[in-house]
Amino acid sequence: MTSTIEARVLAVLRPGGLLTADTIAHNLNVPLWRVVRALDSLCRNGDAFKNRRAEWQIPAGQRHPDRQAAR
């Protein structure tokens, strides 16, 4: 099940991705540690991944966050 912060992180990544954890935290106005925990959880679930430059994105073809909550 996707938490609220995870859903918010996915919503920020959805338009184009390639954002660092710092940028996501700034955009959402939440502490960096909460974003890092959400990103780690999303990574474990296969909903997001990090490239070599520490930029996060969602896999191609990822569906809406609502689908994640229904799991």
PDB file of N, CA and C in Angstrom:
ATOM      1  N   MET A   1       0.846  -1.171   0.000  1.00  0.00           N
ATOM      2  CA  MET A   1       0.000   0.000   0.000  1.00  0.00           C
ATOM      3  C   MET A   1       0.894   1.238   0.000  1.00  0.00           C
ATOM      4  N   THR A   2       0.531   2.221  -0.788  1.00  0.00           N
ATOM      5  CA  THR A   2       1.287   3.448  -0.903  1.00  0.00           C
ATOM      6  C   THR A   2       0.829   4.437   0.151  1.00  0.00           C
ATOM      7  N   SER A   3       1.799   5.013   0.882  1.00  0.00           N
ATOM      8  CA  SER A   3       1.456   6.020   1.882  1.00  0.00           C
ATOM      9  C   SER A   3       1.199   7.353   1.193  1.00  0.00           C
ATOM     10  N   THR A   4       0.726   8.303   1.959  1.00  0.00           N
ATOM     11  CA  THR A   4       0.432   9.623   1.419  1.00  0.00           C
ATOM     12  C   THR A   4       1.684  10.283   0.874  1.00  0.00           C
ATOM     13  N   ILE A   5       2.783  10.226   1.610  1.00  0.00           N
ATOM     14  CA  ILE A   5       4.019  10.861   1.140  1.00  0.00           C
ATOM     15  C   ILE A   5       4.527  10.159  -0.120  1.00  0.00           C
ATOM     16  N   GLU A   6       4.389   8.854  -0.207  1.00  0.00           N
ATOM     17  CA  GLU A   6       4.805   8.135  -1.408  1.00  0.00           C
ATOM     18  C   GLU A   6       3.967   8.564  -2.607  1.00  0.00           C
ATOM     19  N   ALA A   7       2.677   8.719  -2.408  1.00  0.00           N
ATOM     20  CA  ALA A   7       1.790   9.165  -3.487  1.00  0.00           C
ATOM     21  C   ALA A   7       2.168  10.573  -3.936  1.00  0.00           C
ATOM     22  N   ARG A   8       2.518  11.437  -2.991  1.00  0.00           N
ATOM     23  CA  ARG A   8       2.927  12.801  -3.331  1.00  0.00           C
ATOM     24  C   ARG A   8       4.241  12.797  -4.103  1.00  0.00           C
ATOM     25  N   VAL A   9       5.178  11.947  -3.695  1.00  0.00           N
ATOM     26  CA  VAL A   9       6.460  11.839  -4.398  1.00  0.00           C
ATOM     27  C   VAL A   9       6.225  11.337  -5.818  1.00  0.00           C
ATOM     28  N   LEU A  10       5.389  10.329  -5.978  1.00  0.00           N
ATOM     29  CA  LEU A  10       5.076   9.815  -7.321  1.00  0.00           C
ATOM     30  C   LEU A  10       4.437  10.902  -8.187  1.00  0.00           C
ATOM     31  N   ALA A  11       3.574  11.713  -7.583  1.00  0.00           N
ATOM     32  CA  ALA A  11       2.916  12.783  -8.340  1.00  0.00           C
ATOM     33  C   ALA A  11       3.934  13.810  -8.833  1.00  0.00           C
ATOM     34  N   VAL A  12       4.951  14.087  -8.037  1.00  0.00           N
ATOM     35  CA  VAL A  12       5.993  15.033  -8.448  1.00  0.00           C
ATOM     36  C   VAL A  12       6.847  14.424  -9.553  1.00  0.00           C
ATOM     37  N   LEU A  13       7.127  13.135  -9.465  1.00  0.00           N
ATOM     38  CA  LEU A  13       7.962  12.476 -10.464  1.00  0.00           C
ATOM     39  C   LEU A  13       7.227  12.243 -11.784  1.00  0.00           C
ATOM     40  N   ARG A  14       5.926  12.143 -11.738  1.00  0.00           N
ATOM     41  CA  ARG A  14       5.144  11.773 -12.913  1.00  0.00           C
ATOM     42  C   ARG A  14       5.348  12.678 -14.127  1.00  0.00           C
ATOM     43  N   PRO A  15       5.368  14.012 -14.001  1.00  0.00           N
ATOM     44  CA  PRO A  15       5.472  14.840 -15.217  1.00  0.00           C
ATOM     45  C   PRO A  15       6.744  14.616 -16.036  1.00  0.00           C
ATOM     46  N   GLY A  16       7.865  14.334 -15.432  1.00  0.00           N
ATOM     47  CA  GLY A  16       9.066  14.147 -16.221  1.00  0.00           C
ATOM     48  C   GLY A  16      10.169  13.424 -15.482  1.00  0.00           C
ATOM     49  N   GLY A  17      10.033  13.338 -14.169  1.00  0.00           N
ATOM     50  CA  GLY A  17      11.028  12.630 -13.381  1.00  0.00           C
ATOM     51  C   GLY A  17      12.371  13.316 -13.389  1.00  0.00           C
ATOM     52  N   LEU A  18      13.413  12.531 -13.148  1.00  0.00           N
ATOM     53  CA  LEU A  18      14.782  13.013 -13.077  1.00  0.00           C
ATOM     54  C   LEU A  18      14.952  14.141 -12.067  1.00  0.00           C
ATOM     55  N   LEU A  19      14.489  13.906 -10.866  1.00  0.00           N
ATOM     56  CA  LEU A  19      14.630  14.862  -9.776  1.00  0.00           C
ATOM     57  C   LEU A  19      15.432  14.232  -8.648  1.00  0.00           C
ATOM     58  N   THR A  20      16.247  15.041  -7.978  1.00  0.00           N
ATOM     59  CA  THR A  20      16.979  14.555  -6.811  1.00  0.00           C
ATOM     60  C   THR A  20      16.050  14.562  -5.610  1.00  0.00           C
ATOM     61  N   ALA A  21      16.440  13.848  -4.580  1.00  0.00           N
ATOM     62  CA  ALA A  21      15.651  13.813  -3.345  1.00  0.00           C
ATOM     63  C   ALA A  21      15.540  15.214  -2.755  1.00  0.00           C
ATOM     64  N   ASP A  22      16.616  16.003  -2.827  1.00  0.00           N
ATOM     65  CA  ASP A  22      16.583  17.377  -2.320  1.00  0.00           C
ATOM     66  C   ASP A  22      15.527  18.216  -3.049  1.00  0.00           C
ATOM     67  N   THR A  23      15.478  18.077  -4.360  1.00  0.00           N
ATOM     68  CA  THR A  23      14.509  18.839  -5.152  1.00  0.00           C
ATOM     69  C   THR A  23      13.084  18.411  -4.837  1.00  0.00           C
ATOM     70  N   ILE A  24      12.878  17.124  -4.697  1.00  0.00           N
ATOM     71  CA  ILE A  24      11.538  16.623  -4.358  1.00  0.00           C
ATOM     72  C   ILE A  24      11.113  17.152  -2.995  1.00  0.00           C
ATOM     73  N   ALA A  25      12.010  17.093  -2.013  1.00  0.00           N
ATOM     74  CA  ALA A  25      11.701  17.598  -0.675  1.00  0.00           C
ATOM     75  C   ALA A  25      11.359  19.082  -0.727  1.00  0.00           C
ATOM     76  N   HIS A  26      12.114  19.838  -1.506  1.00  0.00           N
ATOM     77  CA  HIS A  26      11.854  21.274  -1.641  1.00  0.00           C
ATOM     78  C   HIS A  26      10.496  21.518  -2.296  1.00  0.00           C
ATOM     79  N   ASN A  27      10.200  20.782  -3.372  1.00  0.00           N
ATOM     80  CA  ASN A  27       8.928  20.956  -4.078  1.00  0.00           C
ATOM     81  C   ASN A  27       7.725  20.597  -3.214  1.00  0.00           C
ATOM     82  N   LEU A  28       7.882  19.586  -2.373  1.00  0.00           N
ATOM     83  CA  LEU A  28       6.771  19.141  -1.521  1.00  0.00           C
ATOM     84  C   LEU A  28       6.738  19.856  -0.177  1.00  0.00           C
ATOM     85  N   ASN A  29       7.820  20.595   0.134  1.00  0.00           N
ATOM     86  CA  ASN A  29       7.931  21.289   1.414  1.00  0.00           C
ATOM     87  C   ASN A  29       7.820  20.318   2.595  1.00  0.00           C
ATOM     88  N   VAL A  30       8.568  19.216   2.494  1.00  0.00           N
ATOM     89  CA  VAL A  30       8.642  18.216   3.563  1.00  0.00           C
ATOM     90  C   VAL A  30      10.118  17.949   3.869  1.00  0.00           C
ATOM     91  N   PRO A  31      10.414  17.412   5.049  1.00  0.00           N
ATOM     92  CA  PRO A  31      11.805  17.120   5.390  1.00  0.00           C
ATOM     93  C   PRO A  31      12.424  16.097   4.442  1.00  0.00           C
ATOM     94  N   LEU A  32      13.708  16.269   4.170  1.00  0.00           N
ATOM     95  CA  LEU A  32      14.434  15.382   3.259  1.00  0.00           C
ATOM     96  C   LEU A  32      14.351  13.926   3.701  1.00  0.00           C
ATOM     97  N   TRP A  33      14.446  13.663   5.010  1.00  0.00           N
ATOM     98  CA  TRP A  33      14.440  12.278   5.487  1.00  0.00           C
ATOM     99  C   TRP A  33      13.137  11.573   5.130  1.00  0.00           C
ATOM    100  N   ARG A  34      12.011  12.301   5.135  1.00  0.00           N
ATOM    101  CA  ARG A  34      10.728  11.678   4.776  1.00  0.00           C
ATOM    102  C   ARG A  34      10.713  11.304   3.295  1.00  0.00           C
ATOM    103  N   VAL A  35      11.267  12.173   2.452  1.00  0.00           N
ATOM    104  CA  VAL A  35      11.329  11.895   1.020  1.00  0.00           C
ATOM    105  C   VAL A  35      12.242  10.704   0.751  1.00  0.00           C
ATOM    106  N   VAL A  36      13.392  10.665   1.422  1.00  0.00           N
ATOM    107  CA  VAL A  36      14.330   9.551   1.232  1.00  0.00           C
ATOM    108  C   VAL A  36      13.683   8.230   1.629  1.00  0.00           C
ATOM    109  N   ARG A  37      12.975   8.217   2.745  1.00  0.00           N
ATOM    110  CA  ARG A  37      12.287   6.985   3.166  1.00  0.00           C
ATOM    111  C   ARG A  37      11.230   6.582   2.154  1.00  0.00           C
ATOM    112  N   ALA A  38      10.470   7.553   1.640  1.00  0.00           N
ATOM    113  CA  ALA A  38       9.437   7.247   0.639  1.00  0.00           C
ATOM    114  C   ALA A  38      10.076   6.724  -0.646  1.00  0.00           C
ATOM    115  N   LEU A  39      11.168   7.350  -1.075  1.00  0.00           N
ATOM    116  CA  LEU A  39      11.846   6.898  -2.289  1.00  0.00           C
ATOM    117  C   LEU A  39      12.416   5.491  -2.125  1.00  0.00           C
ATOM    118  N   ASP A  40      12.984   5.198  -0.966  1.00  0.00           N
ATOM    119  CA  ASP A  40      13.491   3.848  -0.703  1.00  0.00           C
ATOM    120  C   ASP A  40      12.366   2.821  -0.786  1.00  0.00           C
ATOM    121  N   SER A  41      11.231   3.155  -0.214  1.00  0.00           N
ATOM    122  CA  SER A  41      10.086   2.251  -0.258  1.00  0.00           C
ATOM    123  C   SER A  41       9.586   2.073  -1.694  1.00  0.00           C
ATOM    124  N   LEU A  42       9.493   3.166  -2.433  1.00  0.00           N
ATOM    125  CA  LEU A  42       9.054   3.088  -3.829  1.00  0.00           C
ATOM    126  C   LEU A  42      10.034   2.282  -4.668  1.00  0.00           C
ATOM    127  N   CYS A  43      11.315   2.399  -4.367  1.00  0.00           N
ATOM    128  CA  CYS A  43      12.335   1.638  -5.082  1.00  0.00           C
ATOM    129  C   CYS A  43      12.185   0.140  -4.804  1.00  0.00           C
ATOM    130  N   ARG A  44      11.963  -0.211  -3.537  1.00  0.00           N
ATOM    131  CA  ARG A  44      11.775  -1.623  -3.177  1.00  0.00           C
ATOM    132  C   ARG A  44      10.570  -2.224  -3.881  1.00  0.00           C
ATOM    133  N   ASN A  45       9.528  -1.406  -4.078  1.00  0.00           N
ATOM    134  CA  ASN A  45       8.305  -1.874  -4.737  1.00  0.00           C
ATOM    135  C   ASN A  45       8.399  -1.837  -6.255  1.00  0.00           C
ATOM    136  N   GLY A  46       9.482  -1.272  -6.783  1.00  0.00           N
ATOM    137  CA  GLY A  46       9.638  -1.167  -8.227  1.00  0.00           C
ATOM    138  C   GLY A  46       8.893  -0.006  -8.850  1.00  0.00           C
ATOM    139  N   ASP A  47       8.449   0.941  -8.021  1.00  0.00           N
ATOM    140  CA  ASP A  47       7.675   2.078  -8.520  1.00  0.00           C
ATOM    141  C   ASP A  47       8.547   3.269  -8.900  1.00  0.00           C
ATOM    142  N   ALA A  48       9.805   3.280  -8.491  1.00  0.00           N
ATOM    143  CA  ALA A  48      10.731   4.368  -8.823  1.00  0.00           C
ATOM    144  C   ALA A  48      12.144   3.804  -8.783  1.00  0.00           C
ATOM    145  N   PHE A  49      13.056   4.486  -9.482  1.00  0.00           N
ATOM    146  CA  PHE A  49      14.453   4.075  -9.418  1.00  0.00           C
ATOM    147  C   PHE A  49      15.357   5.287  -9.559  1.00  0.00           C
ATOM    148  N   LYS A  50      16.615   5.116  -9.154  1.00  0.00           N
ATOM    149  CA  LYS A  50      17.584   6.199  -9.139  1.00  0.00           C
ATOM    150  C   LYS A  50      18.662   5.910 -10.179  1.00  0.00           C
ATOM    151  N   ASN A  51      19.060   6.938 -10.930  1.00  0.00           N
ATOM    152  CA  ASN A  51      20.127   6.765 -11.912  1.00  0.00           C
ATOM    153  C   ASN A  51      21.488   7.068 -11.264  1.00  0.00           C
ATOM    154  N   ARG A  52      22.533   7.064 -12.059  1.00  0.00           N
ATOM    155  CA  ARG A  52      23.892   7.265 -11.533  1.00  0.00           C
ATOM    156  C   ARG A  52      24.126   8.662 -10.968  1.00  0.00           C
ATOM    157  N   ARG A  53      23.325   9.618 -11.375  1.00  0.00           N
ATOM    158  CA  ARG A  53      23.472  10.986 -10.874  1.00  0.00           C
ATOM    159  C   ARG A  53      22.558  11.274  -9.689  1.00  0.00           C
ATOM    160  N   ALA A  54      22.034  10.226  -9.079  1.00  0.00           N
ATOM    161  CA  ALA A  54      21.132  10.333  -7.917  1.00  0.00           C
ATOM    162  C   ALA A  54      19.839  11.070  -8.263  1.00  0.00           C
ATOM    163  N   GLU A  55      19.402  10.942  -9.509  1.00  0.00           N
ATOM    164  CA  GLU A  55      18.129  11.505  -9.925  1.00  0.00           C
ATOM    165  C   GLU A  55      17.099  10.381  -9.972  1.00  0.00           C
ATOM    166  N   TRP A  56      15.941  10.640  -9.435  1.00  0.00           N
ATOM    167  CA  TRP A  56      14.894   9.642  -9.354  1.00  0.00           C
ATOM    168  C   TRP A  56      13.914   9.798 -10.495  1.00  0.00           C
ATOM    169  N   GLN A  57      13.352   8.670 -10.935  1.00  0.00           N
ATOM    170  CA  GLN A  57      12.321   8.678 -11.959  1.00  0.00           C
ATOM    171  C   GLN A  57      11.465   7.429 -11.794  1.00  0.00           C
ATOM    172  N   ILE A  58      10.348   7.428 -12.504  1.00  0.00           N
ATOM    173  CA  ILE A  58       9.475   6.258 -12.470  1.00  0.00           C
ATOM    174  C   ILE A  58       9.734   5.436 -13.729  1.00  0.00           C
ATOM    175  N   PRO A  59       9.514   4.134 -13.662  1.00  0.00           N
ATOM    176  CA  PRO A  59       9.714   3.291 -14.851  1.00  0.00           C
ATOM    177  C   PRO A  59       8.743   3.678 -15.975  1.00  0.00           C
ATOM    178  N   ALA A  60       9.146   3.464 -17.199  1.00  0.00           N
ATOM    179  CA  ALA A  60       8.281   3.744 -18.349  1.00  0.00           C
ATOM    180  C   ALA A  60       7.001   2.927 -18.239  1.00  0.00           C
ATOM    181  N   GLY A  61       5.891   3.551 -18.559  1.00  0.00           N
ATOM    182  CA  GLY A  61       4.616   2.850 -18.525  1.00  0.00           C
ATOM    183  C   GLY A  61       3.992   2.751 -17.143  1.00  0.00           C
ATOM    184  N   GLN A  62       4.548   3.449 -16.164  1.00  0.00           N
ATOM    185  CA  GLN A  62       3.994   3.412 -14.797  1.00  0.00           C
ATOM    186  C   GLN A  62       2.601   4.015 -14.808  1.00  0.00           C
ATOM    187  N   ARG A  63       1.696   3.393 -14.075  1.00  0.00           N
ATOM    188  CA  ARG A  63       0.305   3.851 -14.055  1.00  0.00           C
ATOM    189  C   ARG A  63       0.072   4.872 -12.964  1.00  0.00           C
ATOM    190  N   HIS A  64      -1.165   5.233 -12.764  1.00  0.00           N
ATOM    191  CA  HIS A  64      -1.551   6.255 -11.791  1.00  0.00           C
ATOM    192  C   HIS A  64      -1.272   5.793 -10.356  1.00  0.00           C
ATOM    193  N   PRO A  65      -1.009   6.750  -9.430  1.00  0.00           N
ATOM    194  CA  PRO A  65      -0.786   6.398  -8.030  1.00  0.00           C
ATOM    195  C   PRO A  65      -1.971   5.657  -7.407  1.00  0.00           C
ATOM    196  N   ASP A  66      -3.192   5.870  -7.914  1.00  0.00           N
ATOM    197  CA  ASP A  66      -4.368   5.192  -7.372  1.00  0.00           C
ATOM    198  C   ASP A  66      -4.215   3.680  -7.473  1.00  0.00           C
ATOM    199  N   ARG A  67      -3.594   3.220  -8.547  1.00  0.00           N
ATOM    200  CA  ARG A  67      -3.386   1.787  -8.723  1.00  0.00           C
ATOM    201  C   ARG A  67      -2.503   1.237  -7.605  1.00  0.00           C
ATOM    202  N   GLN A  68      -1.525   2.025  -7.193  1.00  0.00           N
ATOM    203  CA  GLN A  68      -0.602   1.584  -6.153  1.00  0.00           C
ATOM    204  C   GLN A  68      -1.329   1.371  -4.826  1.00  0.00           C
ATOM    205  N   ALA A  69      -2.263   2.255  -4.500  1.00  0.00           N
ATOM    206  CA  ALA A  69      -2.975   2.152  -3.240  1.00  0.00           C
ATOM    207  C   ALA A  69      -3.870   0.918  -3.192  1.00  0.00           C
ATOM    208  N   ALA A  70      -4.293   0.435  -4.345  1.00  0.00           N
ATOM    209  CA  ALA A  70      -5.198  -0.708  -4.402  1.00  0.00           C
ATOM    210  C   ALA A  70      -4.485  -2.045  -4.272  1.00  0.00           C
ATOM    211  N   ARG A  71      -3.178  -2.034  -4.273  1.00  0.00           N
ATOM    212  CA  ARG A  71      -2.426  -3.284  -4.204  1.00  0.00           C
ATOM    213  C   ARG A  71      -2.688  -4.045  -2.958  1.00  0.00           C
TER     214      ARG A  71
END
